[in-house]
Protein backbone atom coordinates (compact mmCIF):
# COMPACT_ATOMS: atom_id res chain seq x y z
CA MET A 1 -12.58 41.44 61.59
CA GLN A 2 -14.72 43.62 59.32
CA ASP A 3 -18.03 44.80 60.01
CA ILE A 4 -20.09 41.34 58.86
CA ARG A 5 -23.52 43.40 57.89
CA ALA A 6 -21.56 45.70 55.58
CA THR A 7 -19.79 42.98 54.02
CA VAL A 8 -22.76 40.72 53.33
CA ARG A 9 -24.90 44.25 52.24
CA GLN A 10 -21.95 45.00 50.12
CA TYR A 11 -21.94 41.19 48.76
CA ILE A 12 -25.88 41.38 48.01
CA LEU A 13 -25.62 44.87 46.23
CA ASP A 14 -23.09 43.99 44.03
CA ASN A 15 -24.20 40.53 43.01
CA PHE A 16 -27.53 40.81 43.19
CA LEU A 17 -29.39 44.33 43.13
CA MET A 18 -26.76 45.28 40.19
CA GLY A 19 -24.99 48.28 41.86
CA ASN A 20 -28.87 49.35 42.71
CA GLU A 21 -28.32 51.65 45.23
CA GLU A 22 -31.88 50.20 46.61
CA ALA A 23 -31.85 50.74 50.67
CA TYR A 24 -33.65 47.98 52.87
CA ALA A 25 -33.63 47.37 56.57
CA ASP A 26 -31.10 45.15 58.44
CA ASP A 27 -33.82 42.92 59.52
CA ALA A 28 -35.57 42.77 56.08
CA SER A 29 -36.27 39.84 54.99
CA PHE A 30 -34.50 38.61 52.26
CA MET A 31 -37.25 36.57 50.43
CA ASP A 32 -39.97 39.00 50.99
CA ALA A 33 -38.27 41.68 49.37
CA GLN A 34 -37.26 39.25 46.51
CA LEU A 35 -33.26 40.01 47.13
CA LEU A 36 -32.72 36.47 47.07
CA ASP A 37 -33.91 33.37 45.34
CA SER A 38 -33.21 29.91 46.10
CA THR A 39 -29.81 30.03 43.95
CA GLY A 40 -29.01 33.17 45.57
CA PHE A 41 -28.97 31.75 48.68
CA LEU A 42 -26.62 29.10 47.71
CA GLU A 43 -24.44 31.72 46.29
CA LEU A 44 -24.79 33.49 49.74
CA VAL A 45 -23.80 30.48 51.53
CA GLN A 46 -20.98 30.26 49.46
CA PHE A 47 -19.56 33.64 50.03
CA LEU A 48 -20.16 32.96 53.71
CA GLU A 49 -18.12 29.79 53.42
CA GLU A 50 -15.40 31.54 51.66
CA THR A 51 -15.02 34.89 53.43
CA TYR A 52 -15.31 33.90 56.93
CA GLY A 53 -13.99 30.47 56.36
CA ILE A 54 -17.49 28.93 57.89
CA LYS A 55 -19.03 25.19 57.05
CA VAL A 56 -22.90 25.80 56.61
CA GLU A 57 -23.88 22.69 57.03
CA ASP A 58 -27.57 21.51 55.08
CA MET A 59 -29.52 21.61 58.83
CA GLU A 60 -28.52 25.04 59.37
CA MET A 61 -30.06 26.64 55.46
CA MET A 62 -32.95 27.84 57.30
CA PRO A 63 -34.26 31.43 57.15
CA ASP A 64 -33.30 32.10 60.96
CA ASN A 65 -29.96 32.01 60.06
CA LEU A 66 -29.67 33.51 56.55
CA ASP A 67 -32.84 35.67 55.78
CA SER A 68 -31.64 38.96 56.37
CA LEU A 69 -28.21 40.88 56.93
CA VAL A 70 -29.15 40.53 61.31
CA ALA A 71 -29.71 37.13 61.07
CA VAL A 72 -26.55 36.21 58.55
CA GLU A 73 -24.72 38.69 61.21
CA GLN A 74 -25.82 36.56 64.19
CA PHE A 75 -25.33 33.50 62.23
CA VAL A 76 -21.68 34.51 61.44
CA LEU A 77 -20.94 35.27 65.16
CA ARG A 78 -21.53 32.00 66.05
CA LYS A 79 -19.94 30.09 63.75
CA LEU A 80 -17.05 32.13 64.77
CA ALA A 81 -17.35 31.40 68.43
CA ALA A 82 -17.66 27.90 68.29
């Protein structure tokens, strides 16, 4: 499987930073860095569902699961293992 962090980083770069190679740490909060807004998080969820064949439940849409590259990677790995 392709590296989840790299895939999600590229998705954010292409869709939210418009190719601007702005560097941000893997554990940096998307909200604090103002990379994603509420619509952006919904788009990220759709991307994750389509890319990894997972279903993100409403109750799982929380910062602990989706607010950084590290959190997204851990969340996707848990969903794939289930």
